[in-house]
Protein backbone atom coordinates (compact mmCIF):
# COMPACT_ATOMS: atom_id res chain seq x y z
CA MET A 1 0.00 0.00 0.00
CA LYS A 2 2.86 2.35 0.86
CA ARG A 3 4.50 1.61 -2.49
CA LEU A 4 1.24 2.32 -4.35
CA LYS A 5 0.91 5.68 -2.58
CA LEU A 6 4.48 6.54 -3.55
CA ILE A 7 3.83 5.61 -7.18
CA LEU A 8 0.60 7.66 -7.28
CA TRP A 9 2.36 10.59 -5.63
CA SER A 10 5.18 10.39 -8.20
CA ILE A 11 2.69 10.34 -11.08
CA ALA A 12 0.74 13.30 -9.68
CA LEU A 13 3.95 15.24 -9.13
CA THR A 14 5.18 14.47 -12.65
CA ILE A 15 1.90 15.69 -14.14
CA ALA A 16 1.94 18.85 -12.02
CA CYS A 17 5.56 19.61 -12.90
CA THR A 18 4.91 18.98 -16.58
CA PHE A 19 2.03 21.45 -16.48
CA VAL A 20 3.96 24.12 -14.56
CA LEU A 21 7.10 23.79 -16.70
CA GLY A 22 5.05 23.56 -19.90
CA TYR A 23 3.12 26.69 -18.98
CA GLY A 24 6.37 28.53 -18.22
CA VAL A 25 7.87 27.48 -21.56
CA ALA A 26 4.69 28.56 -23.38
CA GLN A 27 4.77 31.95 -21.67
CA PHE A 28 8.49 32.26 -22.42
CA SER A 29 7.97 31.46 -26.11
CA LYS A 30 5.18 34.06 -26.28
CA GLY A 31 7.62 36.62 -24.91
CA ALA A 32 5.66 37.08 -21.69
CA HIS A 33 8.83 37.06 -19.60
CA HIS A 34 11.15 38.28 -22.34
CA LYS A 35 14.49 36.70 -21.43
CA GLU A 36 13.37 35.36 -18.07
CA SER A 37 11.91 31.93 -17.51
CA ALA A 38 9.07 31.24 -15.10
CA ALA A 39 11.59 29.56 -12.78
CA ARG A 40 13.73 32.71 -12.66
CA VAL A 41 10.73 34.77 -11.60
CA LEU A 42 9.81 32.23 -8.89
CA ALA A 43 13.35 31.93 -7.59
CA ALA A 44 14.00 35.65 -7.63
CA SER A 45 11.11 36.24 -5.25
CA LYS A 46 12.15 33.59 -2.69
CA LEU A 47 15.92 33.23 -2.42
CA PRO A 48 17.20 36.77 -1.73
CA SER A 49 15.71 36.62 1.76
CA ARG A 50 17.81 33.49 2.40
CA ILE A 51 21.17 35.10 1.55
CA GLY A 52 23.47 34.86 4.57
CA LYS A 53 21.46 32.04 6.14
CA PRO A 54 22.40 28.36 6.36
CA LEU A 55 21.00 25.92 3.86
CA PRO A 56 17.87 24.33 5.39
CA PRO A 57 18.18 20.79 6.74
CA THR A 58 18.08 18.26 3.92
CA HIS A 59 19.23 14.77 3.03
CA PHE A 60 20.72 13.94 -0.35
CA PHE A 61 20.97 10.45 -1.81
CA GLY A 62 23.16 9.09 -4.57
CA VAL A 63 22.88 6.07 -6.83
CA GLY A 64 21.65 3.00 -4.96
CA SER A 65 19.86 5.29 -2.47
CA ARG A 66 23.15 5.77 -0.62
CA PRO A 67 23.14 8.81 1.69
CA VAL A 68 25.54 11.54 0.56
CA ALA A 69 27.85 12.88 3.25
CA GLU A 70 26.68 16.27 4.46
CA GLU A 71 30.19 17.72 4.35
CA SER A 72 30.15 17.33 0.55
CA TRP A 73 27.85 20.34 0.32
CA ARG A 74 28.19 22.03 3.73
CA LYS A 75 31.99 22.45 3.65
CA GLY A 76 33.89 24.78 1.33
CA LYS A 77 32.58 26.51 -1.77
CA VAL A 78 29.73 24.67 -3.52
CA VAL A 79 27.30 25.61 -6.29
CA LEU A 80 24.12 23.56 -5.99
CA VAL A 81 22.29 23.27 -9.31
CA LEU A 82 18.62 22.34 -8.80
CA LEU A 83 17.34 20.65 -11.95
CA THR A 84 15.38 17.85 -13.60
CA THR A 85 16.33 15.61 -16.50
CA GLY A 86 13.18 16.35 -18.53
CA CYS A 87 13.56 20.13 -18.42
CA ASP A 88 14.92 21.80 -21.57
CA ALA A 89 16.06 24.86 -19.60
CA CYS A 90 17.92 22.55 -17.18
CA ARG A 91 19.65 20.80 -20.07
CA ALA A 92 20.63 24.17 -21.54
CA GLU A 93 21.98 25.19 -18.14
CA GLY A 94 23.97 21.95 -18.00
CA GLU A 95 25.49 22.70 -21.40
CA PHE A 96 26.49 26.19 -20.30
CA LEU A 97 27.91 24.92 -16.99
CA ARG A 98 29.97 22.32 -18.87
CA SER A 99 32.14 25.26 -20.00
CA VAL A 100 32.72 26.62 -16.47
CA VAL A 101 32.45 23.68 -14.07
CA HIS A 102 36.23 23.10 -14.01
CA ALA A 103 37.23 26.78 -14.01
CA ARG A 104 38.06 26.69 -10.28
CA ASP A 105 39.48 23.79 -8.30
CA ASP A 106 38.13 25.22 -5.05
CA VAL A 107 34.48 25.54 -6.20
CA LYS A 108 32.53 22.31 -6.47
CA PHE A 109 29.30 21.91 -8.49
CA LEU A 110 26.61 19.49 -7.34
CA GLY A 111 23.36 18.81 -9.21
CA VAL A 112 20.22 18.20 -7.16
CA LEU A 113 17.15 16.37 -8.49
CA SER A 114 14.10 17.30 -6.45
CA PHE A 115 11.15 16.36 -8.63
CA GLU A 116 12.50 13.01 -9.80
CA GLN A 117 12.83 10.55 -6.94
CA ASP A 118 13.49 7.39 -8.97
CA GLU A 119 16.80 5.64 -9.55
CA PRO A 120 16.63 5.68 -13.40
CA SER A 121 16.28 9.48 -13.43
CA LEU A 122 19.29 9.85 -11.16
CA VAL A 123 21.37 7.51 -13.33
CA ALA A 124 20.26 9.41 -16.47
CA ALA A 125 21.17 12.74 -14.86
CA GLN A 126 24.68 11.45 -14.14
CA THR A 127 25.18 11.07 -17.90
CA VAL A 128 23.53 14.36 -18.93
CA PHE A 129 25.07 16.89 -16.56
CA PRO A 130 28.79 17.71 -16.22
CA PHE A 131 28.90 17.35 -12.43
CA PRO A 132 27.79 14.81 -9.82
CA VAL A 133 24.01 14.68 -9.29
CA VAL A 134 22.11 13.62 -6.15
CA ARG A 135 18.43 13.29 -5.15
CA ASP A 136 16.73 15.73 -2.77
CA ASP A 137 14.89 13.18 -0.66
CA ARG A 138 11.24 14.13 -0.15
CA MET A 139 11.99 17.53 -1.73
CA GLU A 140 13.34 18.80 1.59
CA LEU A 141 15.56 21.41 -0.03
CA MET A 142 12.90 22.75 -2.39
CA ARG A 143 10.37 22.99 0.45
CA GLY A 144 12.89 24.46 2.86
CA LEU A 145 13.74 27.21 0.37
CA GLY A 146 10.13 27.75 -0.71
CA LEU A 147 10.93 26.99 -4.35
CA SER A 148 8.69 25.38 -6.95
CA GLY A 149 10.67 25.69 -10.17
CA VAL A 150 14.01 24.78 -11.70
CA PRO A 151 16.73 25.40 -12.79
CA VAL A 152 18.13 27.32 -9.84
CA LYS A 153 21.79 27.75 -8.83
CA ILE A 154 22.72 28.38 -5.19
CA TYR A 155 26.25 29.28 -4.12
CA LEU A 156 27.14 28.05 -0.62
CA GLN A 157 30.19 28.84 1.43
CA ASP A 158 30.51 26.44 4.36
CA GLY A 159 26.79 25.68 4.16
CA VAL A 160 25.68 29.33 4.13
CA ILE A 161 23.79 30.72 1.11
CA LYS A 162 25.86 33.50 -0.41
CA GLN A 163 24.33 33.93 -3.89
CA SER A 164 21.51 32.53 -6.00
CA TRP A 165 20.37 32.59 -9.60
CA GLY A 166 16.97 31.49 -10.90
CA GLY A 167 16.32 30.21 -14.40
CA ALA A 168 18.70 29.06 -17.08
CA THR A 169 21.70 31.22 -17.96
CA MET A 170 20.63 31.64 -21.58
CA ASP A 171 21.79 35.01 -22.86
CA ASP A 172 25.38 36.09 -23.42
CA GLN A 173 25.30 38.83 -20.78
CA ALA A 174 24.08 36.45 -18.04
CA ARG A 175 26.71 33.89 -19.04
CA ARG A 176 29.47 36.51 -18.97
CA GLN A 177 28.29 37.74 -15.55
CA PHE A 178 28.28 34.21 -14.14
CA ARG A 179 31.78 33.53 -15.48
CA GLU A 180 33.03 36.79 -13.96
CA TRP A 181 31.35 35.98 -10.65
CA LEU A 182 32.93 32.52 -10.64
CA GLN A 183 36.40 34.01 -11.12
CA ARG A 184 35.84 36.26 -8.07
CA ALA A 185 34.11 33.70 -5.82
């Protein structure tokens, strides 16, 4: 019975996410947000109030449902990239980040799947994105930050949120600004 509930919850969540992301893409293609995606608008309204605060409690899991050590994202300089495998904007973000992910040895990138809780999605994400990817168990991080859309990037320094970006880094100016920020981080 518990397994059936989990499957039904996953299906409902997938449908809801498809609708939300599809609506955002449709609005984007109509020019409603110009160069901003729906996720950027959502993230921009929530994350600035979290700057300077610790990342909310969360548990990440890797392949085989193995817990990921907390120090891998709470120690040092880390850019969390919240994403999904079925999101075109997330894939575009992954392609952009492929060009910068190794720019600094002291800044680690970690992808976080929140909407996809299954093992095949995590395995697929490992092949799509240019950095390690983990699962946000029970969407603890998304809920803790009050987010409902992806992609979102969050820069942490010793577990404290220092900077955030919502939406995919699509235009040349945003890409240049992120590269410049990364050099200074």
